Amino acid sequence: PESDVRPELRAMSAYVPILPYDVLAAKLGFAVADLVKLDANENPYGPSAAARDAVARLVPEASWNVYPDPESRELREKIAAYAGVEDMGRIVVGAGADELIDLVMRLPLLPG
């Protein structure tokens, strides 16, 4: 329950992440190719040809010049649909079990 969450965390404003290209394009009614975002240290020109070739040998078709969606919307939508959860906000994803355990435990536990 929310009452188990530390008061100082309940009082904080929620983090508002940047919108990924596909979400922003849909919201504004533009094609993704017509957008240039400069708000997240992203490079509108992409990596150099040498860097792209080096990365392609490791991971083909990567978008290394932009950050991934920080809210993992597509993954959470698919998990919610699979699990029959109507509110995608109830789905939490992370970079492994350790991160998820850490995030969950930060809610009720105090430092020390």
C-alpha atoms as a PDB file:
ATOM      1  CA  PRO A   1       0.000   0.000   0.000  1.00  0.00           C
ATOM      2  CA  GLU A   2       1.017   3.596  -0.548  1.00  0.00           C
ATOM      3  CA  SER A   3       1.194   4.094   3.226  1.00  0.00           C
ATOM      4  CA  ASP A   4       4.258   1.779   3.250  1.00  0.00           C
ATOM      5  CA  VAL A   5       6.171   4.157   1.001  1.00  0.00           C
ATOM      6  CA  ARG A   6       8.531   6.535   2.804  1.00  0.00           C
ATOM      7  CA  PRO A   7       6.893   9.978   3.273  1.00  0.00           C
ATOM      8  CA  GLU A   8       9.733  11.869   1.577  1.00  0.00           C
ATOM      9  CA  LEU A   9       9.336   9.685  -1.511  1.00  0.00           C
ATOM     10  CA  ARG A  10       5.543  10.152  -1.596  1.00  0.00           C
ATOM     11  CA  ALA A  11       6.109  13.931  -1.489  1.00  0.00           C
ATOM     12  CA  MET A  12       8.419  13.909  -4.512  1.00  0.00           C
ATOM     13  CA  SER A  13       7.182  14.812  -7.981  1.00  0.00           C
ATOM     14  CA  ALA A  14       7.292  11.975 -10.475  1.00  0.00           C
ATOM     15  CA  TYR A  15      10.180  11.950 -12.953  1.00  0.00           C
ATOM     16  CA  VAL A  16       9.040  12.964 -16.426  1.00  0.00           C
ATOM     17  CA  PRO A  17      11.309  11.306 -19.004  1.00  0.00           C
ATOM     18  CA  ILE A  18      11.890  12.528 -22.529  1.00  0.00           C
ATOM     19  CA  LEU A  19       9.535  11.249 -25.207  1.00  0.00           C
ATOM     20  CA  PRO A  20      11.119   8.809 -27.664  1.00  0.00           C
ATOM     21  CA  TYR A  21      11.003   9.705 -31.355  1.00  0.00           C
ATOM     22  CA  ASP A  22       8.075   7.440 -32.244  1.00  0.00           C
ATOM     23  CA  VAL A  23       5.925   8.676 -29.354  1.00  0.00           C
ATOM     24  CA  LEU A  24       6.746  12.353 -30.001  1.00  0.00           C
ATOM     25  CA  ALA A  25       6.155  11.973 -33.757  1.00  0.00           C
ATOM     26  CA  ALA A  26       2.744  10.390 -33.162  1.00  0.00           C
ATOM     27  CA  LYS A  27       1.839  13.081 -30.628  1.00  0.00           C
ATOM     28  CA  LEU A  28       2.814  15.914 -33.014  1.00  0.00           C
ATOM     29  CA  GLY A  29       1.549  14.279 -36.204  1.00  0.00           C
ATOM     30  CA  PHE A  30       4.980  14.208 -37.893  1.00  0.00           C
ATOM     31  CA  ALA A  31       6.992  11.430 -39.450  1.00  0.00           C
ATOM     32  CA  VAL A  32       9.869  10.235 -37.272  1.00  0.00           C
ATOM     33  CA  ALA A  33      12.290  11.159 -40.089  1.00  0.00           C
ATOM     34  CA  ASP A  34      11.131  14.799 -39.887  1.00  0.00           C
ATOM     35  CA  LEU A  35      12.123  15.213 -36.215  1.00  0.00           C
ATOM     36  CA  VAL A  36      15.414  16.433 -34.817  1.00  0.00           C
ATOM     37  CA  LYS A  37      15.522  16.337 -31.029  1.00  0.00           C
ATOM     38  CA  LEU A  38      18.218  18.234 -29.197  1.00  0.00           C
ATOM     39  CA  ASP A  39      16.915  17.781 -25.646  1.00  0.00           C
ATOM     40  CA  ALA A  40      18.593  14.528 -24.642  1.00  0.00           C
ATOM     41  CA  ASN A  41      22.217  14.769 -25.794  1.00  0.00           C
ATOM     42  CA  GLU A  42      21.281  12.856 -28.921  1.00  0.00           C
ATOM     43  CA  ASN A  43      23.067  13.189 -32.228  1.00  0.00           C
ATOM     44  CA  PRO A  44      20.736  14.016 -35.154  1.00  0.00           C
ATOM     45  CA  TYR A  45      23.437  12.931 -37.627  1.00  0.00           C
ATOM     46  CA  GLY A  46      24.065   9.500 -36.199  1.00  0.00           C
ATOM     47  CA  PRO A  47      27.457   7.848 -35.781  1.00  0.00           C
ATOM     48  CA  SER A  48      30.297   8.111 -38.295  1.00  0.00           C
ATOM     49  CA  ALA A  49      30.543   5.465 -41.014  1.00  0.00           C
ATOM     50  CA  ALA A  50      33.523   3.841 -39.258  1.00  0.00           C
ATOM     51  CA  ALA A  51      31.653   3.665 -35.941  1.00  0.00           C
ATOM     52  CA  ARG A  52      28.512   2.353 -37.674  1.00  0.00           C
ATOM     53  CA  ASP A  53      30.522  -0.392 -39.407  1.00  0.00           C
ATOM     54  CA  ALA A  54      32.169  -1.408 -36.140  1.00  0.00           C
ATOM     55  CA  VAL A  55      28.837  -1.542 -34.312  1.00  0.00           C
ATOM     56  CA  ALA A  56      27.130  -3.386 -37.183  1.00  0.00           C
ATOM     57  CA  ARG A  57      29.599  -6.225 -36.730  1.00  0.00           C
ATOM     58  CA  LEU A  58      28.404  -6.518 -33.128  1.00  0.00           C
ATOM     59  CA  VAL A  59      24.692  -5.655 -33.282  1.00  0.00           C
ATOM     60  CA  PRO A  60      23.036  -5.161 -36.685  1.00  0.00           C
ATOM     61  CA  GLU A  61      20.351  -2.494 -37.180  1.00  0.00           C
ATOM     62  CA  ALA A  62      21.078  -0.659 -33.934  1.00  0.00           C
ATOM     63  CA  SER A  63      20.068   2.952 -33.262  1.00  0.00           C
ATOM     64  CA  TRP A  64      23.141   3.963 -31.298  1.00  0.00           C
ATOM     65  CA  ASN A  65      22.632   7.707 -31.745  1.00  0.00           C
ATOM     66  CA  VAL A  66      19.462   7.927 -29.615  1.00  0.00           C
ATOM     67  CA  TYR A  67      18.484   6.758 -26.161  1.00  0.00           C
ATOM     68  CA  PRO A  68      15.957   3.919 -25.936  1.00  0.00           C
ATOM     69  CA  ASP A  69      12.515   4.650 -24.554  1.00  0.00           C
ATOM     70  CA  PRO A  70      13.157   5.194 -20.815  1.00  0.00           C
ATOM     71  CA  GLU A  71       9.676   3.922 -19.975  1.00  0.00           C
ATOM     72  CA  SER A  72       9.929   0.783 -22.141  1.00  0.00           C
ATOM     73  CA  ARG A  73       6.422   1.518 -23.433  1.00  0.00           C
ATOM     74  CA  GLU A  74       6.329  -1.097 -26.194  1.00  0.00           C
ATOM     75  CA  LEU A  75       7.568  -3.880 -23.907  1.00  0.00           C
ATOM     76  CA  ARG A  76       5.216  -2.872 -21.073  1.00  0.00           C
ATOM     77  CA  GLU A  77       2.243  -2.678 -23.482  1.00  0.00           C
ATOM     78  CA  LYS A  78       2.982  -6.202 -24.718  1.00  0.00           C
ATOM     79  CA  ILE A  79       3.430  -7.555 -21.184  1.00  0.00           C
ATOM     80  CA  ALA A  80       0.189  -5.864 -20.085  1.00  0.00           C
ATOM     81  CA  ALA A  81      -1.712  -7.312 -23.054  1.00  0.00           C
ATOM     82  CA  TYR A  82      -0.265 -10.781 -22.431  1.00  0.00           C
ATOM     83  CA  ALA A  83      -1.009 -10.660 -18.696  1.00  0.00           C
ATOM     84  CA  GLY A  84      -4.443  -9.067 -19.125  1.00  0.00           C
ATOM     85  CA  VAL A  85      -3.456  -5.955 -17.152  1.00  0.00           C
ATOM     86  CA  GLU A  86      -5.455  -2.898 -18.240  1.00  0.00           C
ATOM     87  CA  ASP A  87      -3.189  -0.243 -16.694  1.00  0.00           C
ATOM     88  CA  MET A  88       0.303  -0.396 -18.216  1.00  0.00           C
ATOM     89  CA  GLY A  89       1.437   1.780 -15.282  1.00  0.00           C
ATOM     90  CA  ARG A  90       1.225  -1.300 -13.087  1.00  0.00           C
ATOM     91  CA  ILE A  91       3.977  -3.012 -15.112  1.00  0.00           C
ATOM     92  CA  VAL A  92       7.569  -2.296 -14.061  1.00  0.00           C
ATOM     93  CA  VAL A  93      10.571  -3.361 -16.119  1.00  0.00           C
ATOM     94  CA  GLY A  94      14.248  -2.889 -15.439  1.00  0.00           C
ATOM     95  CA  ALA A  95      17.764  -3.971 -16.234  1.00  0.00           C
ATOM     96  CA  GLY A  96      17.544  -7.276 -14.407  1.00  0.00           C
ATOM     97  CA  ALA A  97      16.214  -8.609 -11.132  1.00  0.00           C
ATOM     98  CA  ASP A  98      18.795  -6.768  -9.013  1.00  0.00           C
ATOM     99  CA  GLU A  99      17.623  -3.383 -10.275  1.00  0.00           C
ATOM    100  CA  LEU A 100      13.959  -4.252  -9.747  1.00  0.00           C
ATOM    101  CA  ILE A 101      14.609  -5.504  -6.212  1.00  0.00           C
ATOM    102  CA  ASP A 102      16.588  -2.328  -5.492  1.00  0.00           C
ATOM    103  CA  LEU A 103      13.791  -0.100  -6.806  1.00  0.00           C
ATOM    104  CA  VAL A 104      11.086  -1.903  -4.845  1.00  0.00           C
ATOM    105  CA  MET A 105      13.107  -1.920  -1.624  1.00  0.00           C
ATOM    106  CA  ARG A 106      13.848   1.807  -1.820  1.00  0.00           C
ATOM    107  CA  LEU A 107      10.155   2.529  -1.299  1.00  0.00           C
ATOM    108  CA  PRO A 108       9.749   1.342   2.313  1.00  0.00           C
ATOM    109  CA  LEU A 109      13.364   1.135   3.580  1.00  0.00           C
ATOM    110  CA  LEU A 110      15.352   4.032   5.000  1.00  0.00           C
ATOM    111  CA  PRO A 111      19.122   4.358   4.439  1.00  0.00           C
ATOM    112  CA  GLY A 112      21.288   2.822   7.125  1.00  0.00           C
END
